[in-house]
Amino acid sequence: MIGAMMESRLATSAAAHLVAGLGGFRFVDLDTPMLLAEDPFAGGYEQRSGINNVSGVKSGLGIERN
């Protein structure tokens, strides 16, 4: 399992890339940016219906500062 507590999109994006690169995780809980009132970052990965998608990232973690 891999998860996050209350990290911003920057940290969870790094974790999403780790999961995509290594695989082998039975449970992935990286939804904490959705719980933040304000996240200073945008981009990184896309999450829809429980699926984390990093295929749209062009370079690095794909994070931008808001």
PDB file of N, CA and C in Angstrom:
ATOM      1  N   MET A   1       0.846  -1.181   0.000  1.00  0.00           N
ATOM      2  CA  MET A   1       0.000   0.000   0.000  1.00  0.00           C
ATOM      3  C   MET A   1       0.885   1.235   0.000  1.00  0.00           C
ATOM      4  N   ILE A   2       0.416   2.244  -0.692  1.00  0.00           N
ATOM      5  CA  ILE A   2       1.041   3.554  -0.639  1.00  0.00           C
ATOM      6  C   ILE A   2      -0.079   4.563  -0.436  1.00  0.00           C
ATOM      7  N   GLY A   3       0.182   5.552   0.399  1.00  0.00           N
ATOM      8  CA  GLY A   3      -0.837   6.547   0.698  1.00  0.00           C
ATOM      9  C   GLY A   3      -0.210   7.858   1.105  1.00  0.00           C
ATOM     10  N   ALA A   4      -1.055   8.767   1.485  1.00  0.00           N
ATOM     11  CA  ALA A   4      -0.610  10.089   1.904  1.00  0.00           C
ATOM     12  C   ALA A   4      -1.495  10.550   3.051  1.00  0.00           C
ATOM     13  N   MET A   5      -0.970  11.468   3.835  1.00  0.00           N
ATOM     14  CA  MET A   5      -1.752  12.024   4.942  1.00  0.00           C
ATOM     15  C   MET A   5      -2.381  13.344   4.490  1.00  0.00           C
ATOM     16  N   MET A   6      -1.665  14.439   4.568  1.00  0.00           N
ATOM     17  CA  MET A   6      -2.202  15.723   4.114  1.00  0.00           C
ATOM     18  C   MET A   6      -1.168  16.466   3.280  1.00  0.00           C
ATOM     19  N   GLU A   7      -0.511  15.756   2.388  1.00  0.00           N
ATOM     20  CA  GLU A   7       0.484  16.362   1.507  1.00  0.00           C
ATOM     21  C   GLU A   7      -0.202  17.113   0.369  1.00  0.00           C
ATOM     22  N   SER A   8       0.523  18.050  -0.182  1.00  0.00           N
ATOM     23  CA  SER A   8       0.022  18.785  -1.344  1.00  0.00           C
ATOM     24  C   SER A   8       0.152  17.915  -2.588  1.00  0.00           C
ATOM     25  N   ARG A   9      -0.273  18.447  -3.691  1.00  0.00           N
ATOM     26  CA  ARG A   9      -0.175  17.747  -4.975  1.00  0.00           C
ATOM     27  C   ARG A   9       1.272  17.457  -5.355  1.00  0.00           C
ATOM     28  N   LEU A  10       2.205  18.263  -4.888  1.00  0.00           N
ATOM     29  CA  LEU A  10       3.621  18.038  -5.188  1.00  0.00           C
ATOM     30  C   LEU A  10       4.081  16.680  -4.654  1.00  0.00           C
ATOM     31  N   ALA A  11       3.816  16.397  -3.410  1.00  0.00           N
ATOM     32  CA  ALA A  11       4.244  15.133  -2.797  1.00  0.00           C
ATOM     33  C   ALA A  11       3.462  13.941  -3.348  1.00  0.00           C
ATOM     34  N   THR A  12       2.162  14.093  -3.499  1.00  0.00           N
ATOM     35  CA  THR A  12       1.380  12.966  -4.001  1.00  0.00           C
ATOM     36  C   THR A  12       1.674  12.672  -5.467  1.00  0.00           C
ATOM     37  N   SER A  13       2.080  13.682  -6.215  1.00  0.00           N
ATOM     38  CA  SER A  13       2.476  13.443  -7.601  1.00  0.00           C
ATOM     39  C   SER A  13       3.738  12.592  -7.662  1.00  0.00           C
ATOM     40  N   ALA A  14       4.676  12.865  -6.778  1.00  0.00           N
ATOM     41  CA  ALA A  14       5.890  12.045  -6.719  1.00  0.00           C
ATOM     42  C   ALA A  14       5.529  10.600  -6.378  1.00  0.00           C
ATOM     43  N   ALA A  15       4.608  10.418  -5.455  1.00  0.00           N
ATOM     44  CA  ALA A  15       4.171   9.071  -5.085  1.00  0.00           C
ATOM     45  C   ALA A  15       3.449   8.388  -6.250  1.00  0.00           C
ATOM     46  N   ALA A  16       2.622   9.135  -6.985  1.00  0.00           N
ATOM     47  CA  ALA A  16       1.915   8.557  -8.135  1.00  0.00           C
ATOM     48  C   ALA A  16       2.900   8.100  -9.205  1.00  0.00           C
ATOM     49  N   HIS A  17       3.962   8.861  -9.423  1.00  0.00           N
ATOM     50  CA  HIS A  17       4.980   8.460 -10.387  1.00  0.00           C
ATOM     51  C   HIS A  17       5.744   7.227  -9.907  1.00  0.00           C
ATOM     52  N   LEU A  18       5.997   7.140  -8.621  1.00  0.00           N
ATOM     53  CA  LEU A  18       6.645   5.953  -8.056  1.00  0.00           C
ATOM     54  C   LEU A  18       5.784   4.713  -8.292  1.00  0.00           C
ATOM     55  N   VAL A  19       4.498   4.836  -8.026  1.00  0.00           N
ATOM     56  CA  VAL A  19       3.567   3.719  -8.235  1.00  0.00           C
ATOM     57  C   VAL A  19       3.536   3.305  -9.699  1.00  0.00           C
ATOM     58  N   ALA A  20       3.459   4.296 -10.594  1.00  0.00           N
ATOM     59  CA  ALA A  20       3.401   3.993 -12.030  1.00  0.00           C
ATOM     60  C   ALA A  20       4.685   3.335 -12.511  1.00  0.00           C
ATOM     61  N   GLY A  21       5.811   3.727 -11.938  1.00  0.00           N
ATOM     62  CA  GLY A  21       7.096   3.178 -12.382  1.00  0.00           C
ATOM     63  C   GLY A  21       7.383   1.800 -11.830  1.00  0.00           C
ATOM     64  N   LEU A  22       7.047   1.577 -10.565  1.00  0.00           N
ATOM     65  CA  LEU A  22       7.363   0.299  -9.926  1.00  0.00           C
ATOM     66  C   LEU A  22       6.257  -0.728 -10.053  1.00  0.00           C
ATOM     67  N   GLY A  23       5.011  -0.277  -9.919  1.00  0.00           N
ATOM     68  CA  GLY A  23       3.888  -1.206  -9.902  1.00  0.00           C
ATOM     69  C   GLY A  23       3.929  -2.048  -8.630  1.00  0.00           C
ATOM     70  N   GLY A  24       3.095  -3.044  -8.551  1.00  0.00           N
ATOM     71  CA  GLY A  24       3.115  -3.970  -7.425  1.00  0.00           C
ATOM     72  C   GLY A  24       2.400  -3.490  -6.176  1.00  0.00           C
ATOM     73  N   PHE A  25       1.713  -2.359  -6.240  1.00  0.00           N
ATOM     74  CA  PHE A  25       0.976  -1.861  -5.078  1.00  0.00           C
ATOM     75  C   PHE A  25      -0.455  -2.355  -5.166  1.00  0.00           C
ATOM     76  N   ARG A  26      -0.923  -2.979  -4.110  1.00  0.00           N
ATOM     77  CA  ARG A  26      -2.295  -3.474  -4.101  1.00  0.00           C
ATOM     78  C   ARG A  26      -3.279  -2.337  -3.839  1.00  0.00           C
ATOM     79  N   PHE A  27      -2.911  -1.424  -2.929  1.00  0.00           N
ATOM     80  CA  PHE A  27      -3.776  -0.297  -2.585  1.00  0.00           C
ATOM     81  C   PHE A  27      -3.020   1.005  -2.794  1.00  0.00           C
ATOM     82  N   VAL A  28      -3.659   1.951  -3.453  1.00  0.00           N
ATOM     83  CA  VAL A  28      -3.074   3.267  -3.709  1.00  0.00           C
ATOM     84  C   VAL A  28      -4.083   4.310  -3.225  1.00  0.00           C
ATOM     85  N   ASP A  29      -3.699   5.086  -2.210  1.00  0.00           N
ATOM     86  CA  ASP A  29      -4.582   6.088  -1.612  1.00  0.00           C
ATOM     87  C   ASP A  29      -3.902   7.449  -1.702  1.00  0.00           C
ATOM     88  N   LEU A  30      -4.036   8.104  -2.847  1.00  0.00           N
ATOM     89  CA  LEU A  30      -3.369   9.381  -3.094  1.00  0.00           C
ATOM     90  C   LEU A  30      -4.379  10.482  -3.409  1.00  0.00           C
ATOM     91  N   ASP A  31      -5.445  10.532  -2.643  1.00  0.00           N
ATOM     92  CA  ASP A  31      -6.498  11.507  -2.916  1.00  0.00           C
ATOM     93  C   ASP A  31      -6.452  12.724  -2.001  1.00  0.00           C
ATOM     94  N   THR A  32      -5.424  12.872  -1.191  1.00  0.00           N
ATOM     95  CA  THR A  32      -5.414  13.963  -0.217  1.00  0.00           C
ATOM     96  C   THR A  32      -5.424  15.368  -0.816  1.00  0.00           C
ATOM     97  N   PRO A  33      -4.877  15.639  -2.012  1.00  0.00           N
ATOM     98  CA  PRO A  33      -5.000  17.005  -2.533  1.00  0.00           C
ATOM     99  C   PRO A  33      -6.457  17.456  -2.703  1.00  0.00           C
ATOM    100  N   MET A  34      -7.368  16.510  -2.879  1.00  0.00           N
ATOM    101  CA  MET A  34      -8.782  16.860  -3.012  1.00  0.00           C
ATOM    102  C   MET A  34      -9.363  17.338  -1.682  1.00  0.00           C
ATOM    103  N   LEU A  35      -8.711  17.044  -0.566  1.00  0.00           N
ATOM    104  CA  LEU A  35      -9.207  17.427   0.751  1.00  0.00           C
ATOM    105  C   LEU A  35      -8.670  18.777   1.218  1.00  0.00           C
ATOM    106  N   LEU A  36      -7.686  19.318   0.529  1.00  0.00           N
ATOM    107  CA  LEU A  36      -7.086  20.584   0.937  1.00  0.00           C
ATOM    108  C   LEU A  36      -7.960  21.767   0.513  1.00  0.00           C
ATOM    109  N   ALA A  37      -8.101  22.743   1.395  1.00  0.00           N
ATOM    110  CA  ALA A  37      -8.852  23.955   1.049  1.00  0.00           C
ATOM    111  C   ALA A  37      -8.114  24.722  -0.038  1.00  0.00           C
ATOM    112  N   GLU A  38      -6.780  24.782   0.070  1.00  0.00           N
ATOM    113  CA  GLU A  38      -5.966  25.449  -0.937  1.00  0.00           C
ATOM    114  C   GLU A  38      -4.727  24.616  -1.200  1.00  0.00           C
ATOM    115  N   ASP A  39      -4.459  24.347  -2.442  1.00  0.00           N
ATOM    116  CA  ASP A  39      -3.254  23.617  -2.838  1.00  0.00           C
ATOM    117  C   ASP A  39      -2.428  24.560  -3.699  1.00  0.00           C
ATOM    118  N   PRO A  40      -1.200  24.862  -3.304  1.00  0.00           N
ATOM    119  CA  PRO A  40      -0.404  25.821  -4.069  1.00  0.00           C
ATOM    120  C   PRO A  40       0.116  25.272  -5.402  1.00  0.00           C
ATOM    121  N   PHE A  41      -0.200  24.022  -5.710  1.00  0.00           N
ATOM    122  CA  PHE A  41       0.309  23.392  -6.929  1.00  0.00           C
ATOM    123  C   PHE A  41      -0.823  22.895  -7.812  1.00  0.00           C
ATOM    124  N   ALA A  42      -0.534  22.745  -9.093  1.00  0.00           N
ATOM    125  CA  ALA A  42      -1.490  22.199 -10.061  1.00  0.00           C
ATOM    126  C   ALA A  42      -0.760  21.207 -10.939  1.00  0.00           C
ATOM    127  N   GLY A  43      -1.517  20.318 -11.567  1.00  0.00           N
ATOM    128  CA  GLY A  43      -0.931  19.343 -12.482  1.00  0.00           C
ATOM    129  C   GLY A  43      -0.406  18.120 -11.761  1.00  0.00           C
ATOM    130  N   GLY A  44       0.531  17.432 -12.376  1.00  0.00           N
ATOM    131  CA  GLY A  44       1.177  16.277 -11.757  1.00  0.00           C
ATOM    132  C   GLY A  44       0.593  14.943 -12.145  1.00  0.00           C
ATOM    133  N   TYR A  45      -0.631  14.734 -11.837  1.00  0.00           N
ATOM    134  CA  TYR A  45      -1.306  13.496 -12.211  1.00  0.00           C
ATOM    135  C   TYR A  45      -2.802  13.764 -12.201  1.00  0.00           C
ATOM    136  N   GLU A  46      -3.524  12.920 -12.864  1.00  0.00           N
ATOM    137  CA  GLU A  46      -4.968  13.062 -12.953  1.00  0.00           C
ATOM    138  C   GLU A  46      -5.605  11.888 -12.241  1.00  0.00           C
ATOM    139  N   GLN A  47      -6.603  12.153 -11.444  1.00  0.00           N
ATOM    140  CA  GLN A  47      -7.292  11.081 -10.722  1.00  0.00           C
ATOM    141  C   GLN A  47      -8.774  11.108 -11.077  1.00  0.00           C
ATOM    142  N   ARG A  48      -9.235  10.002 -11.638  1.00  0.00           N
ATOM    143  CA  ARG A  48     -10.648   9.857 -11.986  1.00  0.00           C
ATOM    144  C   ARG A  48     -11.104   8.449 -11.665  1.00  0.00           C
ATOM    145  N   SER A  49     -12.196   8.355 -10.963  1.00  0.00           N
ATOM    146  CA  SER A  49     -12.801   7.060 -10.616  1.00  0.00           C
ATOM    147  C   SER A  49     -11.783   6.096 -10.010  1.00  0.00           C
ATOM    148  N   GLY A  50     -10.936   6.614  -9.127  1.00  0.00           N
ATOM    149  CA  GLY A  50      -9.967   5.761  -8.453  1.00  0.00           C
ATOM    150  C   GLY A  50      -8.757   5.375  -9.285  1.00  0.00           C
ATOM    151  N   ILE A  51      -8.593   5.967 -10.448  1.00  0.00           N
ATOM    152  CA  ILE A  51      -7.443   5.663 -11.300  1.00  0.00           C
ATOM    153  C   ILE A  51      -6.526   6.879 -11.349  1.00  0.00           C
ATOM    154  N   ASN A  52      -5.259   6.673 -11.011  1.00  0.00           N
ATOM    155  CA  ASN A  52      -4.249   7.721 -11.086  1.00  0.00           C
ATOM    156  C   ASN A  52      -3.546   7.618 -12.432  1.00  0.00           C
ATOM    157  N   ASN A  53      -3.581   8.701 -13.196  1.00  0.00           N
ATOM    158  CA  ASN A  53      -3.032   8.695 -14.550  1.00  0.00           C
ATOM    159  C   ASN A  53      -1.901   9.718 -14.649  1.00  0.00           C
ATOM    160  N   VAL A  54      -0.707   9.265 -14.965  1.00  0.00           N
ATOM    161  CA  VAL A  54       0.441  10.162 -15.138  1.00  0.00           C
ATOM    162  C   VAL A  54       0.845  10.290 -16.609  1.00  0.00           C
ATOM    163  N   SER A  55       0.059   9.740 -17.506  1.00  0.00           N
ATOM    164  CA  SER A  55       0.443   9.718 -18.920  1.00  0.00           C
ATOM    165  C   SER A  55       0.461  11.108 -19.563  1.00  0.00           C
ATOM    166  N   GLY A  56      -0.221  12.088 -18.970  1.00  0.00           N
ATOM    167  CA  GLY A  56      -0.241  13.424 -19.536  1.00  0.00           C
ATOM    168  C   GLY A  56       0.943  14.293 -19.126  1.00  0.00           C
ATOM    169  N   VAL A  57       1.797  13.778 -18.251  1.00  0.00           N
ATOM    170  CA  VAL A  57       2.952  14.547 -17.777  1.00  0.00           C
ATOM    171  C   VAL A  57       4.029  14.544 -18.851  1.00  0.00           C
ATOM    172  N   LYS A  58       4.479  15.720 -19.233  1.00  0.00           N
ATOM    173  CA  LYS A  58       5.476  15.827 -20.298  1.00  0.00           C
ATOM    174  C   LYS A  58       6.903  15.702 -19.775  1.00  0.00           C
ATOM    175  N   SER A  59       7.192  16.264 -18.572  1.00  0.00           N
ATOM    176  CA  SER A  59       8.532  16.150 -17.999  1.00  0.00           C
ATOM    177  C   SER A  59       8.485  16.301 -16.487  1.00  0.00           C
ATOM    178  N   GLY A  60       9.438  15.700 -15.822  1.00  0.00           N
ATOM    179  CA  GLY A  60       9.494  15.778 -14.359  1.00  0.00           C
ATOM    180  C   GLY A  60       8.227  15.255 -13.720  1.00  0.00           C
ATOM    181  N   LEU A  61       7.776  15.943 -12.693  1.00  0.00           N
ATOM    182  CA  LEU A  61       6.531  15.555 -12.028  1.00  0.00           C
ATOM    183  C   LEU A  61       5.311  16.223 -12.657  1.00  0.00           C
ATOM    184  N   GLY A  62       5.537  17.178 -13.553  1.00  0.00           N
ATOM    185  CA  GLY A  62       4.436  17.856 -14.211  1.00  0.00           C
ATOM    186  C   GLY A  62       3.723  18.863 -13.313  1.00  0.00           C
ATOM    187  N   ILE A  63       4.374  19.309 -12.269  1.00  0.00           N
ATOM    188  CA  ILE A  63       3.778  20.223 -11.299  1.00  0.00           C
ATOM    189  C   ILE A  63       4.023  21.671 -11.692  1.00  0.00           C
ATOM    190  N   GLU A  64       3.018  22.482 -11.509  1.00  0.00           N
ATOM    191  CA  GLU A  64       3.133  23.926 -11.712  1.00  0.00           C
ATOM    192  C   GLU A  64       2.690  24.642 -10.461  1.00  0.00           C
ATOM    193  N   ARG A  65       3.275  25.777 -10.186  1.00  0.00           N
ATOM    194  CA  ARG A  65       2.905  26.581  -9.025  1.00  0.00           C
ATOM    195  C   ARG A  65       1.692  27.435  -9.381  1.00  0.00           C
ATOM    196  N   ASN A  66       0.646  27.397  -8.537  1.00  0.00           N
ATOM    197  CA  ASN A  66      -0.546  28.244  -8.754  1.00  0.00           C
ATOM    198  C   ASN A  66      -0.236  29.685  -8.484  1.00  0.00           C
TER     199      ASN A  66
END
